[in-house]
Each structure stands twice: as C-alpha cells, then as structure tokens.
N, C-alpha and C. Protein backbone atom coordinates (compact mmCIF):
# COMPACT_ATOMS: atom_id res chain seq x y z
N MET A 1 0.85 -1.18 0.00
CA MET A 1 0.00 0.00 0.00
C MET A 1 0.89 1.24 0.00
N HIS A 2 0.58 2.19 -0.84
CA HIS A 2 1.32 3.45 -0.93
C HIS A 2 1.11 4.24 0.36
N PRO A 3 2.18 4.83 0.94
CA PRO A 3 2.03 5.54 2.22
C PRO A 3 1.07 6.73 2.16
N ASP A 4 0.88 7.33 0.99
CA ASP A 4 -0.05 8.46 0.87
C ASP A 4 -1.50 8.00 0.74
N HIS A 5 -1.68 6.71 0.55
CA HIS A 5 -3.02 6.15 0.37
C HIS A 5 -3.18 4.95 1.30
N PRO A 6 -3.55 5.19 2.55
CA PRO A 6 -3.70 4.08 3.50
C PRO A 6 -4.83 3.16 3.08
N ALA A 7 -4.83 1.98 3.65
CA ALA A 7 -5.89 1.01 3.37
C ALA A 7 -7.24 1.62 3.72
N PRO A 8 -8.27 1.31 2.92
CA PRO A 8 -9.61 1.83 3.24
C PRO A 8 -10.05 1.43 4.64
N ASP A 9 -10.76 2.35 5.29
CA ASP A 9 -11.30 2.11 6.63
C ASP A 9 -12.75 2.57 6.65
N PRO A 10 -13.67 1.70 6.17
CA PRO A 10 -15.07 2.10 6.10
C PRO A 10 -15.71 2.39 7.45
N GLY A 11 -15.10 1.98 8.53
CA GLY A 11 -15.67 2.21 9.85
C GLY A 11 -15.62 3.65 10.31
N ARG A 12 -14.82 4.48 9.69
CA ARG A 12 -14.67 5.85 10.17
C ARG A 12 -15.40 6.91 9.32
N VAL A 13 -16.27 6.49 8.44
CA VAL A 13 -16.99 7.45 7.60
C VAL A 13 -18.21 8.01 8.32
N LEU A 14 -18.63 9.21 7.92
CA LEU A 14 -19.84 9.83 8.47
C LEU A 14 -21.07 9.04 8.04
N ARG A 15 -21.98 8.87 8.95
CA ARG A 15 -23.23 8.15 8.69
C ARG A 15 -24.40 9.12 8.83
N LEU A 16 -25.53 8.76 8.26
CA LEU A 16 -26.72 9.60 8.35
C LEU A 16 -27.05 9.92 9.80
N ALA A 17 -26.91 8.97 10.69
CA ALA A 17 -27.22 9.21 12.10
C ALA A 17 -26.31 10.29 12.70
N ASP A 18 -25.11 10.48 12.14
CA ASP A 18 -24.18 11.50 12.64
C ASP A 18 -24.64 12.91 12.31
N ILE A 19 -25.36 13.07 11.22
CA ILE A 19 -25.75 14.41 10.78
C ILE A 19 -27.25 14.66 10.85
N GLY A 20 -28.03 13.62 11.07
CA GLY A 20 -29.48 13.76 11.12
C GLY A 20 -30.10 13.76 9.73
N GLU A 21 -31.41 13.63 9.70
CA GLU A 21 -32.13 13.51 8.43
C GLU A 21 -32.60 14.85 7.86
N ALA A 22 -32.78 15.86 8.68
CA ALA A 22 -33.44 17.09 8.25
C ALA A 22 -32.70 17.80 7.11
N THR A 23 -31.41 18.01 7.27
CA THR A 23 -30.67 18.75 6.24
C THR A 23 -30.55 17.96 4.94
N PRO A 24 -30.20 16.66 4.99
CA PRO A 24 -30.18 15.90 3.74
C PRO A 24 -31.56 15.86 3.07
N ARG A 25 -32.62 15.75 3.88
CA ARG A 25 -33.98 15.73 3.31
C ARG A 25 -34.26 17.04 2.58
N ALA A 26 -33.90 18.16 3.19
CA ALA A 26 -34.12 19.47 2.55
C ALA A 26 -33.28 19.61 1.28
N LEU A 27 -32.05 19.11 1.31
CA LEU A 27 -31.19 19.17 0.13
C LEU A 27 -31.80 18.37 -1.01
N LEU A 28 -32.22 17.17 -0.75
CA LEU A 28 -32.82 16.35 -1.80
C LEU A 28 -34.10 16.97 -2.33
N ASP A 29 -34.87 17.57 -1.44
CA ASP A 29 -36.11 18.23 -1.85
C ASP A 29 -35.85 19.33 -2.88
N ARG A 30 -34.72 20.01 -2.76
CA ARG A 30 -34.37 21.06 -3.74
C ARG A 30 -34.28 20.52 -5.15
N PHE A 31 -34.05 19.23 -5.28
CA PHE A 31 -33.92 18.59 -6.59
C PHE A 31 -35.11 17.71 -6.94
N GLY A 32 -36.20 17.86 -6.19
CA GLY A 32 -37.40 17.09 -6.47
C GLY A 32 -37.31 15.64 -6.02
N LEU A 33 -36.43 15.36 -5.07
CA LEU A 33 -36.26 14.01 -4.57
C LEU A 33 -36.75 13.91 -3.13
N ALA A 34 -37.10 12.72 -2.73
CA ALA A 34 -37.53 12.47 -1.34
C ALA A 34 -36.50 11.57 -0.67
N LEU A 35 -36.32 11.78 0.62
CA LEU A 35 -35.50 10.90 1.45
C LEU A 35 -36.44 10.14 2.37
N VAL A 36 -36.36 8.82 2.32
CA VAL A 36 -37.16 7.98 3.20
C VAL A 36 -36.21 7.24 4.12
N ALA A 37 -36.44 7.41 5.43
CA ALA A 37 -35.63 6.73 6.43
C ALA A 37 -36.14 5.31 6.62
N VAL A 38 -35.21 4.38 6.67
CA VAL A 38 -35.51 2.97 6.87
C VAL A 38 -35.10 2.63 8.30
N GLY A 39 -35.89 1.81 8.96
CA GLY A 39 -35.60 1.44 10.34
C GLY A 39 -34.30 0.65 10.49
N ASP A 40 -33.66 0.80 11.62
CA ASP A 40 -32.43 0.08 11.91
C ASP A 40 -32.61 -1.42 11.68
N GLY A 41 -31.67 -2.00 10.97
CA GLY A 41 -31.71 -3.44 10.73
C GLY A 41 -32.60 -3.88 9.59
N GLU A 42 -33.44 -2.97 9.08
CA GLU A 42 -34.33 -3.31 7.97
C GLU A 42 -33.56 -3.24 6.65
N PRO A 43 -33.93 -4.07 5.67
CA PRO A 43 -33.28 -3.97 4.36
C PRO A 43 -33.61 -2.62 3.71
N ILE A 44 -32.66 -2.07 3.00
CA ILE A 44 -32.85 -0.78 2.34
C ILE A 44 -33.38 -1.03 0.93
N PRO A 45 -34.61 -0.58 0.64
CA PRO A 45 -35.15 -0.77 -0.71
C PRO A 45 -34.27 -0.09 -1.76
N GLY A 46 -34.12 -0.75 -2.89
CA GLY A 46 -33.41 -0.14 -4.01
C GLY A 46 -31.91 -0.02 -3.83
N SER A 47 -31.34 -0.73 -2.86
CA SER A 47 -29.89 -0.64 -2.64
C SER A 47 -29.17 -1.59 -3.59
N PHE A 48 -28.32 -1.04 -4.42
CA PHE A 48 -27.56 -1.82 -5.39
C PHE A 48 -26.54 -2.71 -4.68
N TRP A 49 -25.87 -2.16 -3.68
CA TRP A 49 -24.80 -2.87 -2.98
C TRP A 49 -25.27 -3.61 -1.74
N GLY A 50 -26.47 -3.30 -1.24
CA GLY A 50 -26.97 -3.96 -0.05
C GLY A 50 -26.35 -3.41 1.21
N ASP A 51 -26.45 -4.18 2.29
CA ASP A 51 -25.94 -3.77 3.60
C ASP A 51 -26.46 -2.38 3.95
N GLU A 52 -25.57 -1.46 4.30
CA GLU A 52 -26.01 -0.13 4.73
C GLU A 52 -26.04 0.91 3.61
N GLU A 53 -25.74 0.50 2.39
CA GLU A 53 -25.70 1.43 1.26
C GLU A 53 -27.10 1.96 0.92
N ALA A 54 -27.17 3.24 0.53
CA ALA A 54 -28.44 3.87 0.16
C ALA A 54 -29.05 3.18 -1.05
N GLY A 55 -30.36 3.34 -1.17
CA GLY A 55 -31.08 2.77 -2.30
C GLY A 55 -31.88 3.83 -3.02
N ILE A 56 -32.25 3.54 -4.26
CA ILE A 56 -33.05 4.47 -5.06
C ILE A 56 -34.14 3.72 -5.81
N ILE A 57 -35.31 4.31 -5.77
CA ILE A 57 -36.45 3.84 -6.55
C ILE A 57 -37.20 5.09 -6.99
N GLY A 58 -37.29 5.29 -8.30
CA GLY A 58 -37.96 6.49 -8.81
C GLY A 58 -37.27 7.74 -8.32
N THR A 59 -38.00 8.62 -7.66
CA THR A 59 -37.41 9.87 -7.16
C THR A 59 -37.16 9.82 -5.66
N THR A 60 -37.05 8.60 -5.13
CA THR A 60 -36.86 8.43 -3.69
C THR A 60 -35.52 7.80 -3.39
N VAL A 61 -34.84 8.37 -2.40
CA VAL A 61 -33.59 7.82 -1.88
C VAL A 61 -33.92 7.23 -0.51
N TYR A 62 -33.51 5.99 -0.30
CA TYR A 62 -33.74 5.28 0.95
C TYR A 62 -32.43 5.15 1.71
N ALA A 63 -32.48 5.39 3.02
CA ALA A 63 -31.27 5.29 3.83
C ALA A 63 -31.64 4.97 5.27
N ARG A 64 -30.70 4.33 5.97
CA ARG A 64 -30.84 4.06 7.40
C ARG A 64 -29.85 4.95 8.15
N GLY A 65 -29.95 4.93 9.45
CA GLY A 65 -29.02 5.69 10.27
C GLY A 65 -27.58 5.31 10.05
N ASP A 66 -27.32 4.04 9.69
CA ASP A 66 -25.94 3.59 9.46
C ASP A 66 -25.50 3.76 8.01
N THR A 67 -26.34 4.36 7.17
CA THR A 67 -25.96 4.61 5.78
C THR A 67 -24.90 5.70 5.73
N PRO A 68 -23.79 5.44 5.04
CA PRO A 68 -22.78 6.49 4.89
C PRO A 68 -23.34 7.69 4.13
N VAL A 69 -22.97 8.88 4.58
CA VAL A 69 -23.43 10.10 3.91
C VAL A 69 -22.99 10.09 2.45
N HIS A 70 -21.78 9.61 2.17
CA HIS A 70 -21.31 9.58 0.78
C HIS A 70 -22.20 8.70 -0.08
N SER A 71 -22.73 7.61 0.48
CA SER A 71 -23.61 6.72 -0.26
C SER A 71 -24.94 7.40 -0.55
N LEU A 72 -25.50 8.07 0.45
CA LEU A 72 -26.75 8.80 0.26
C LEU A 72 -26.59 9.85 -0.85
N LEU A 73 -25.49 10.61 -0.80
CA LEU A 73 -25.27 11.66 -1.81
C LEU A 73 -24.98 11.07 -3.18
N HIS A 74 -24.30 9.94 -3.21
CA HIS A 74 -24.01 9.31 -4.49
C HIS A 74 -25.30 8.85 -5.17
N GLU A 75 -26.14 8.16 -4.42
CA GLU A 75 -27.39 7.68 -5.02
C GLU A 75 -28.31 8.84 -5.40
N ALA A 76 -28.36 9.88 -4.56
CA ALA A 76 -29.13 11.07 -4.93
C ALA A 76 -28.56 11.69 -6.20
N GLY A 77 -27.23 11.74 -6.28
CA GLY A 77 -26.58 12.29 -7.46
C GLY A 77 -26.96 11.55 -8.73
N HIS A 78 -27.08 10.22 -8.64
CA HIS A 78 -27.52 9.45 -9.80
C HIS A 78 -28.87 9.95 -10.30
N LEU A 79 -29.80 10.16 -9.37
CA LEU A 79 -31.13 10.62 -9.78
C LEU A 79 -31.09 12.05 -10.32
N ILE A 80 -30.27 12.88 -9.73
CA ILE A 80 -30.20 14.29 -10.15
C ILE A 80 -29.64 14.41 -11.56
N VAL A 81 -28.64 13.60 -11.92
CA VAL A 81 -28.05 13.74 -13.26
C VAL A 81 -28.93 13.16 -14.35
N LEU A 82 -29.90 12.33 -13.97
CA LEU A 82 -30.79 11.74 -14.97
C LEU A 82 -31.85 12.73 -15.41
N PRO A 83 -32.22 12.71 -16.68
CA PRO A 83 -33.38 13.50 -17.10
C PRO A 83 -34.62 13.02 -16.35
N ALA A 84 -35.54 13.94 -16.07
CA ALA A 84 -36.74 13.62 -15.29
C ALA A 84 -37.49 12.42 -15.84
N GLU A 85 -37.56 12.29 -17.17
CA GLU A 85 -38.32 11.18 -17.75
C GLU A 85 -37.67 9.82 -17.48
N ARG A 86 -36.38 9.78 -17.18
CA ARG A 86 -35.71 8.52 -16.85
C ARG A 86 -35.77 8.20 -15.36
N ARG A 87 -35.93 9.20 -14.54
CA ARG A 87 -35.95 8.98 -13.09
C ARG A 87 -37.06 8.03 -12.66
N ALA A 88 -38.24 8.22 -13.23
CA ALA A 88 -39.41 7.43 -12.81
C ALA A 88 -39.18 5.93 -12.99
N ALA A 89 -38.34 5.55 -13.96
CA ALA A 89 -38.11 4.14 -14.25
C ALA A 89 -36.97 3.54 -13.42
N VAL A 90 -36.28 4.36 -12.65
CA VAL A 90 -35.12 3.86 -11.91
C VAL A 90 -35.56 2.98 -10.75
N HIS A 91 -34.90 1.84 -10.66
CA HIS A 91 -35.08 0.94 -9.52
C HIS A 91 -33.75 0.25 -9.27
N THR A 92 -33.06 0.69 -8.24
CA THR A 92 -31.81 0.08 -7.76
C THR A 92 -30.58 0.48 -8.59
N ASP A 93 -30.61 0.32 -9.89
CA ASP A 93 -29.46 0.58 -10.75
C ASP A 93 -29.78 1.75 -11.67
N ALA A 94 -29.11 2.87 -11.45
CA ALA A 94 -29.46 4.09 -12.17
C ALA A 94 -28.87 4.18 -13.57
N THR A 95 -27.68 3.63 -13.77
CA THR A 95 -27.04 3.83 -15.06
C THR A 95 -25.92 2.84 -15.29
N ASP A 96 -25.57 2.68 -16.53
CA ASP A 96 -24.35 1.95 -16.88
C ASP A 96 -23.45 2.87 -17.71
N SER A 97 -23.76 4.16 -17.69
CA SER A 97 -22.99 5.16 -18.44
C SER A 97 -21.82 5.67 -17.60
N ILE A 98 -20.63 5.60 -18.16
CA ILE A 98 -19.44 6.11 -17.47
C ILE A 98 -19.56 7.62 -17.28
N GLU A 99 -20.10 8.33 -18.28
CA GLU A 99 -20.29 9.79 -18.15
C GLU A 99 -21.19 10.13 -16.96
N GLU A 100 -22.31 9.41 -16.84
CA GLU A 100 -23.23 9.68 -15.74
C GLU A 100 -22.62 9.29 -14.40
N GLU A 101 -21.86 8.21 -14.36
CA GLU A 101 -21.21 7.79 -13.12
C GLU A 101 -20.19 8.84 -12.67
N ASP A 102 -19.39 9.33 -13.60
CA ASP A 102 -18.41 10.36 -13.27
C ASP A 102 -19.10 11.64 -12.79
N ALA A 103 -20.16 12.04 -13.48
CA ALA A 103 -20.90 13.24 -13.08
C ALA A 103 -21.51 13.05 -11.69
N THR A 104 -21.97 11.85 -11.41
CA THR A 104 -22.53 11.55 -10.09
C THR A 104 -21.47 11.68 -9.00
N CYS A 105 -20.29 11.15 -9.24
CA CYS A 105 -19.21 11.26 -8.26
C CYS A 105 -18.84 12.72 -8.02
N TYR A 106 -18.78 13.50 -9.09
CA TYR A 106 -18.46 14.92 -8.96
C TYR A 106 -19.55 15.62 -8.16
N LEU A 107 -20.80 15.35 -8.53
CA LEU A 107 -21.93 16.01 -7.89
C LEU A 107 -22.03 15.65 -6.40
N GLN A 108 -21.76 14.41 -6.03
CA GLN A 108 -21.87 14.06 -4.62
C GLN A 108 -20.86 14.86 -3.79
N ILE A 109 -19.70 15.15 -4.35
CA ILE A 109 -18.70 15.97 -3.66
C ILE A 109 -19.21 17.40 -3.51
N VAL A 110 -19.80 17.93 -4.56
CA VAL A 110 -20.35 19.29 -4.53
C VAL A 110 -21.51 19.38 -3.54
N LEU A 111 -22.40 18.40 -3.55
CA LEU A 111 -23.56 18.41 -2.67
C LEU A 111 -23.16 18.38 -1.20
N ALA A 112 -22.04 17.78 -0.90
CA ALA A 112 -21.58 17.69 0.50
C ALA A 112 -21.38 19.07 1.11
N ASP A 113 -21.09 20.08 0.29
CA ASP A 113 -20.90 21.44 0.81
C ASP A 113 -22.20 22.02 1.36
N ALA A 114 -23.34 21.44 1.00
CA ALA A 114 -24.63 21.93 1.50
C ALA A 114 -25.02 21.29 2.82
N LEU A 115 -24.19 20.38 3.32
CA LEU A 115 -24.50 19.69 4.57
C LEU A 115 -23.54 20.14 5.66
N PRO A 116 -24.03 20.90 6.63
CA PRO A 116 -23.16 21.33 7.74
C PRO A 116 -22.49 20.14 8.42
N GLY A 117 -21.21 20.29 8.69
CA GLY A 117 -20.46 19.22 9.31
C GLY A 117 -19.96 18.17 8.35
N VAL A 118 -20.26 18.33 7.07
CA VAL A 118 -19.77 17.38 6.07
C VAL A 118 -18.79 18.13 5.17
N GLY A 119 -19.25 18.74 4.10
CA GLY A 119 -18.37 19.47 3.19
C GLY A 119 -17.55 18.54 2.31
N ARG A 120 -17.02 19.11 1.26
CA ARG A 120 -16.31 18.31 0.26
C ARG A 120 -15.06 17.63 0.81
N ASP A 121 -14.32 18.30 1.67
CA ASP A 121 -13.09 17.70 2.19
C ASP A 121 -13.39 16.41 2.95
N ARG A 122 -14.36 16.47 3.85
CA ARG A 122 -14.71 15.27 4.61
C ARG A 122 -15.28 14.20 3.69
N LEU A 123 -16.12 14.61 2.74
CA LEU A 123 -16.73 13.62 1.86
C LEU A 123 -15.67 12.90 1.04
N MET A 124 -14.71 13.63 0.51
CA MET A 124 -13.65 12.99 -0.28
C MET A 124 -12.82 12.05 0.59
N ALA A 125 -12.54 12.44 1.82
CA ALA A 125 -11.82 11.54 2.74
C ALA A 125 -12.63 10.27 2.99
N ASP A 126 -13.95 10.43 3.15
CA ASP A 126 -14.81 9.27 3.36
C ASP A 126 -14.87 8.38 2.11
N MET A 127 -14.92 8.99 0.95
CA MET A 127 -14.92 8.21 -0.30
C MET A 127 -13.65 7.37 -0.38
N ASP A 128 -12.51 7.98 -0.06
CA ASP A 128 -11.25 7.24 -0.09
C ASP A 128 -11.24 6.14 0.97
N ALA A 129 -11.73 6.46 2.17
CA ALA A 129 -11.76 5.47 3.25
C ALA A 129 -12.65 4.29 2.88
N TRP A 130 -13.72 4.55 2.13
CA TRP A 130 -14.67 3.52 1.75
C TRP A 130 -14.10 2.62 0.65
N GLY A 131 -13.14 3.17 -0.12
CA GLY A 131 -12.52 2.38 -1.17
C GLY A 131 -12.87 2.79 -2.59
N TYR A 132 -13.46 3.99 -2.77
CA TYR A 132 -13.66 4.48 -4.13
C TYR A 132 -12.29 4.51 -4.80
N THR A 133 -12.22 4.18 -6.07
CA THR A 133 -10.94 4.20 -6.76
C THR A 133 -11.01 5.15 -7.95
N PHE A 134 -9.94 5.90 -8.10
CA PHE A 134 -9.81 6.84 -9.20
C PHE A 134 -8.44 6.67 -9.82
N ARG A 135 -8.36 6.94 -11.09
CA ARG A 135 -7.13 6.76 -11.84
C ARG A 135 -5.95 7.51 -11.23
N LEU A 136 -6.18 8.68 -10.68
CA LEU A 136 -5.09 9.47 -10.11
C LEU A 136 -4.81 9.11 -8.65
N GLY A 137 -5.51 8.13 -8.10
CA GLY A 137 -5.19 7.62 -6.78
C GLY A 137 -6.07 8.07 -5.64
N SER A 138 -6.77 9.19 -5.75
CA SER A 138 -7.65 9.64 -4.67
C SER A 138 -8.79 10.44 -5.26
N SER A 139 -9.84 10.57 -4.48
CA SER A 139 -10.99 11.35 -4.96
C SER A 139 -10.58 12.82 -5.16
N ARG A 140 -9.76 13.36 -4.27
CA ARG A 140 -9.33 14.75 -4.41
C ARG A 140 -8.51 14.96 -5.68
N ALA A 141 -7.56 14.06 -5.94
CA ALA A 141 -6.75 14.19 -7.15
C ALA A 141 -7.64 14.14 -8.39
N TRP A 142 -8.62 13.24 -8.39
CA TRP A 142 -9.54 13.15 -9.52
C TRP A 142 -10.37 14.42 -9.62
N PHE A 143 -10.99 14.84 -8.53
CA PHE A 143 -11.88 16.00 -8.52
C PHE A 143 -11.15 17.26 -8.98
N GLU A 144 -9.93 17.45 -8.51
CA GLU A 144 -9.19 18.68 -8.82
C GLU A 144 -8.41 18.60 -10.13
N GLY A 145 -8.10 17.39 -10.62
CA GLY A 145 -7.22 17.34 -11.77
C GLY A 145 -7.65 16.47 -12.93
N ASP A 146 -8.78 15.76 -12.80
CA ASP A 146 -9.13 14.82 -13.87
C ASP A 146 -10.63 14.72 -14.10
N ALA A 147 -11.40 15.67 -13.60
CA ALA A 147 -12.85 15.55 -13.66
C ALA A 147 -13.51 16.58 -14.58
N GLU A 148 -12.75 17.13 -15.51
CA GLU A 148 -13.32 18.16 -16.38
C GLU A 148 -14.52 17.65 -17.18
N ASN A 149 -14.49 16.39 -17.62
CA ASN A 149 -15.63 15.84 -18.36
C ASN A 149 -16.88 15.79 -17.48
N ALA A 150 -16.71 15.41 -16.23
CA ALA A 150 -17.84 15.36 -15.31
C ALA A 150 -18.39 16.77 -15.07
N ARG A 151 -17.50 17.70 -14.87
CA ARG A 151 -17.90 19.10 -14.66
C ARG A 151 -18.67 19.63 -15.86
N ARG A 152 -18.15 19.36 -17.06
CA ARG A 152 -18.81 19.82 -18.28
C ARG A 152 -20.20 19.17 -18.42
N PHE A 153 -20.31 17.88 -18.11
CA PHE A 153 -21.58 17.16 -18.16
C PHE A 153 -22.61 17.87 -17.29
N LEU A 154 -22.22 18.21 -16.06
CA LEU A 154 -23.14 18.89 -15.14
C LEU A 154 -23.51 20.28 -15.65
N LEU A 155 -22.53 21.04 -16.11
CA LEU A 155 -22.80 22.39 -16.61
C LEU A 155 -23.75 22.37 -17.80
N GLU A 156 -23.55 21.42 -18.70
CA GLU A 156 -24.41 21.31 -19.89
C GLU A 156 -25.86 21.02 -19.53
N ARG A 157 -26.08 20.45 -18.38
CA ARG A 157 -27.43 20.12 -17.92
C ARG A 157 -27.97 21.10 -16.90
N GLY A 158 -27.23 22.18 -16.67
CA GLY A 158 -27.67 23.20 -15.73
C GLY A 158 -27.63 22.76 -14.29
N LEU A 159 -26.75 21.80 -13.98
CA LEU A 159 -26.63 21.29 -12.61
C LEU A 159 -25.46 21.95 -11.90
N PRO A 160 -25.49 21.99 -10.58
CA PRO A 160 -24.45 22.73 -9.84
C PRO A 160 -23.09 22.06 -9.91
N VAL A 161 -22.05 22.89 -10.02
CA VAL A 161 -20.68 22.41 -9.96
C VAL A 161 -19.95 22.99 -8.75
N ASP A 162 -20.63 23.86 -8.02
CA ASP A 162 -20.08 24.41 -6.78
C ASP A 162 -21.22 25.05 -5.98
N LEU A 163 -21.36 24.66 -4.74
CA LEU A 163 -22.40 25.24 -3.87
C LEU A 163 -21.83 26.20 -2.86
N ARG A 164 -20.52 26.48 -2.94
CA ARG A 164 -19.88 27.35 -1.96
C ARG A 164 -20.05 28.83 -2.28
N ASP A 165 -20.52 29.12 -3.49
CA ASP A 165 -20.68 30.54 -3.89
C ASP A 165 -21.90 31.18 -3.27
C-alpha cells in the first residue's frame, strides 16, 4: 500500500445518524427528490450494494441511520443527473454510463458542501476510506485534476458544480 493512500477504513466514515435527516432531506427536496428513512436493521429498498448502502427507486432515496453520507449523496446524485423522464423508471441501478457515473461522483462531492459538518473535504476523505478508486489515486486528485468531463456534463445540464458561492 502506498504511504499516501492508507488502506480503506469504512468504519470511520460519516453516517446519516451522525448528521441527522433534516438537512439531507431538505437538500434532496431542492432537486425534487424524497428521502425515506428505513428502520435500523431493515433492508434498504433499491440498494444496489446492499448492507447499509443507500437505495433508489424512482425519485426516492432510501437510507438508514448507518448509511454512509457519501452513499446517500451518491445515489441522490444518480437521480439528479438523470433527465426527469428517466428517473421514474429507476429501480436500484441508475445507469451503466461512465459519463453519468463520473458526473454523479463529482456532484456528490459538490452536494456535500450543502450539509453542515460534512463538506467536500470530509466527503472525499470518506470516499477514499470507503474504497472508491480513481485513476489518479484519490478522490481529491480526480476531482481537482481529472474531472473536467464530469464538470462539463453537469454544466451542460444546468446542474451545480459548486455550492460554496
């Protein structure tokens, strides 16, 4: 393992229970999405990866208290980058498009700035801790130096590329 890139540690990422549901719910609402909380230990509807990962069905994002914030934002990002007419048909798997996946990763980082106590720096650290992989070695290196296509994709669709302004 490269010393600048320690082994992933999924146990130290922020979870929905750490930040509460109100702010993420309000953020998703801005994009016409709903957040539905799932009870502890219950299966998460629409979860592609299972376990504690967020799920999506139509315009709804499902999450439990143990769902990582990065997972919630990633799945919400999938729905946000899709045209409205495609959202209604989504169940569990939003896309097989590399362009949409890259735009989703970029957007989840941007959306983190709208969540107090999260922000892009923490979210990128959590993405790396969880084991997201990028060609340049880290989410930050990708976001700052290799994500122009994702940024352009979002801009072309009128989606946010920075919420700090």
